[in-house]
Amino acid sequence: MHNDEVTYSNRGPSAAATVAVAQQRLHASPYHVLRDVQCELRDDSLVLRGHVSSFYLKQLAQEMVRKVDGVRGVVNTLEVGDRPQMPLANGTCHVRSEGSQGSTEASHGRADTDRG
């Protein structure tokens, strides 16, 4: 499941259309991680938020949306590095891997102590 959140400031339909075009460009990328990038238009600047695994992908996302009509600038706040793991109640971690549409669960360092 991809994060399809699209937000925009209260600037009318042109802001929504601008964000939608930017989001469509990112969703068209062969790099699945770029499909999770969130876009928001603030004062004619497109703000990019999310997590990518390399500086190359951070720059690629910026270039993909830079020339969208209505965007005067790009504020690239994408974080680079491993995506933080979110511990689940059962002691596993929910991790989304780049290039994967699903998710995997990994052990969170707990040994199985229930030996019966």
Protein backbone atom coordinates (compact mmCIF):
# COMPACT_ATOMS: atom_id res chain seq x y z
CA MET A 1 0.00 0.00 0.00
CA HIS A 2 1.39 3.38 -0.97
CA ASN A 3 0.95 6.60 0.89
CA ASP A 4 -1.22 8.62 -1.51
CA GLU A 5 -1.65 11.57 0.82
CA VAL A 6 -1.90 14.82 -1.12
CA THR A 7 -2.23 18.01 0.83
CA TYR A 8 -2.33 21.61 -0.22
CA SER A 9 -2.87 24.99 1.29
CA ASN A 10 -6.25 26.70 0.98
CA ARG A 11 -5.42 28.33 -2.36
CA GLY A 12 -8.13 26.94 -4.58
CA PRO A 13 -8.25 24.40 -7.39
CA SER A 14 -5.02 25.52 -9.05
CA ALA A 15 -3.04 24.51 -5.95
CA ALA A 16 -4.78 21.12 -5.87
CA ALA A 17 -4.11 20.60 -9.58
CA THR A 18 -0.44 21.54 -9.16
CA VAL A 19 0.01 19.07 -6.30
CA ALA A 20 -1.86 16.37 -8.23
CA VAL A 21 0.44 16.74 -11.26
CA ALA A 22 3.53 16.60 -9.04
CA GLN A 23 2.20 13.53 -7.25
CA GLN A 24 1.41 11.84 -10.59
CA ARG A 25 4.98 12.39 -11.78
CA LEU A 26 6.38 10.80 -8.64
CA HIS A 27 3.94 7.87 -8.91
CA ALA A 28 5.06 7.27 -12.50
CA SER A 29 8.65 6.71 -11.35
CA PRO A 30 10.17 3.24 -11.69
CA TYR A 31 11.61 3.83 -8.19
CA HIS A 32 8.82 2.65 -5.90
CA VAL A 33 10.14 4.63 -2.94
CA LEU A 34 9.33 7.89 -4.78
CA ARG A 35 5.68 6.88 -4.87
CA ASP A 36 5.57 7.39 -1.10
CA VAL A 37 6.82 10.99 -1.26
CA GLN A 38 4.27 13.51 0.00
CA CYS A 39 3.76 16.88 -1.71
CA GLU A 40 2.36 20.12 -0.37
CA LEU A 41 2.18 23.51 -2.09
CA ARG A 42 3.10 26.47 0.09
CA ASP A 43 3.42 29.98 -1.35
CA ASP A 44 4.09 28.63 -4.88
CA SER A 45 6.84 26.32 -3.57
CA LEU A 46 6.34 22.58 -3.62
CA VAL A 47 7.41 20.93 -0.36
CA LEU A 48 8.59 17.32 -0.62
CA ARG A 49 8.38 15.13 2.49
CA GLY A 50 9.23 11.54 3.17
CA HIS A 51 12.13 9.13 3.22
CA VAL A 52 14.44 7.93 0.44
CA SER A 53 17.46 5.65 0.55
CA SER A 54 19.96 7.84 -1.32
CA PHE A 55 20.84 11.40 -2.20
CA TYR A 56 20.39 10.43 -5.84
CA LEU A 57 16.72 9.62 -5.23
CA LYS A 58 16.28 12.84 -3.24
CA GLN A 59 17.62 14.86 -6.18
CA LEU A 60 15.64 12.78 -8.70
CA ALA A 61 12.37 13.51 -6.87
CA GLN A 62 13.17 17.22 -6.89
CA GLU A 63 13.95 17.25 -10.60
CA MET A 64 10.80 15.29 -11.44
CA VAL A 65 8.55 17.99 -9.97
CA ARG A 66 10.64 21.12 -10.54
CA LYS A 67 9.02 22.10 -13.85
CA VAL A 68 5.39 21.43 -12.91
CA ASP A 69 3.22 24.42 -13.87
CA GLY A 70 2.52 26.55 -10.82
CA VAL A 71 5.70 25.57 -8.98
CA ARG A 72 8.18 28.42 -8.53
CA GLY A 73 10.51 26.48 -6.29
CA VAL A 74 10.98 23.16 -4.54
CA VAL A 75 11.66 22.77 -0.83
CA ASN A 76 13.15 19.32 -0.58
CA THR A 77 12.82 18.05 2.99
CA LEU A 78 13.20 14.39 2.05
CA GLU A 79 15.24 12.45 4.59
CA VAL A 80 18.01 10.19 3.29
CA GLY A 81 18.91 6.89 4.90
CA ASP A 82 17.36 3.73 6.18
CA ARG A 83 13.69 4.05 6.92
CA PRO A 84 13.09 3.89 10.66
CA GLN A 85 11.64 0.62 11.88
CA MET A 86 8.37 0.74 13.79
CA PRO A 87 8.14 -1.85 16.58
CA LEU A 88 4.87 -3.75 16.64
CA ALA A 89 3.15 -5.09 19.75
CA ASN A 90 4.28 -8.66 19.03
CA GLY A 91 7.99 -7.75 19.08
CA THR A 92 8.48 -7.61 15.32
CA CYS A 93 9.28 -4.57 13.22
CA HIS A 94 7.28 -3.33 10.27
CA VAL A 95 9.76 -2.43 7.51
CA ARG A 96 9.00 -1.36 3.96
CA SER A 97 11.79 -2.17 1.58
CA GLU A 98 12.55 -0.04 -1.44
CA GLY A 99 11.22 -1.55 -4.63
CA SER A 100 8.72 -3.68 -2.78
CA GLN A 101 5.01 -3.03 -2.81
CA GLY A 102 4.45 -5.04 0.32
CA SER A 103 6.09 -5.05 3.67
CA THR A 104 8.07 -7.56 5.60
CA GLU A 105 8.29 -8.25 9.28
CA ALA A 106 11.68 -8.73 10.88
CA SER A 107 12.60 -9.92 14.33
CA HIS A 108 13.20 -7.13 16.79
CA GLY A 109 15.93 -8.94 18.68
CA ARG A 110 13.65 -10.97 20.96
CA ALA A 111 14.39 -14.62 21.42
CA ASP A 112 11.52 -17.06 21.49
CA THR A 113 11.32 -18.07 25.14
CA ASP A 114 8.12 -20.13 24.92
CA ARG A 115 9.57 -23.63 24.59
CA GLY A 116 6.63 -25.60 26.06
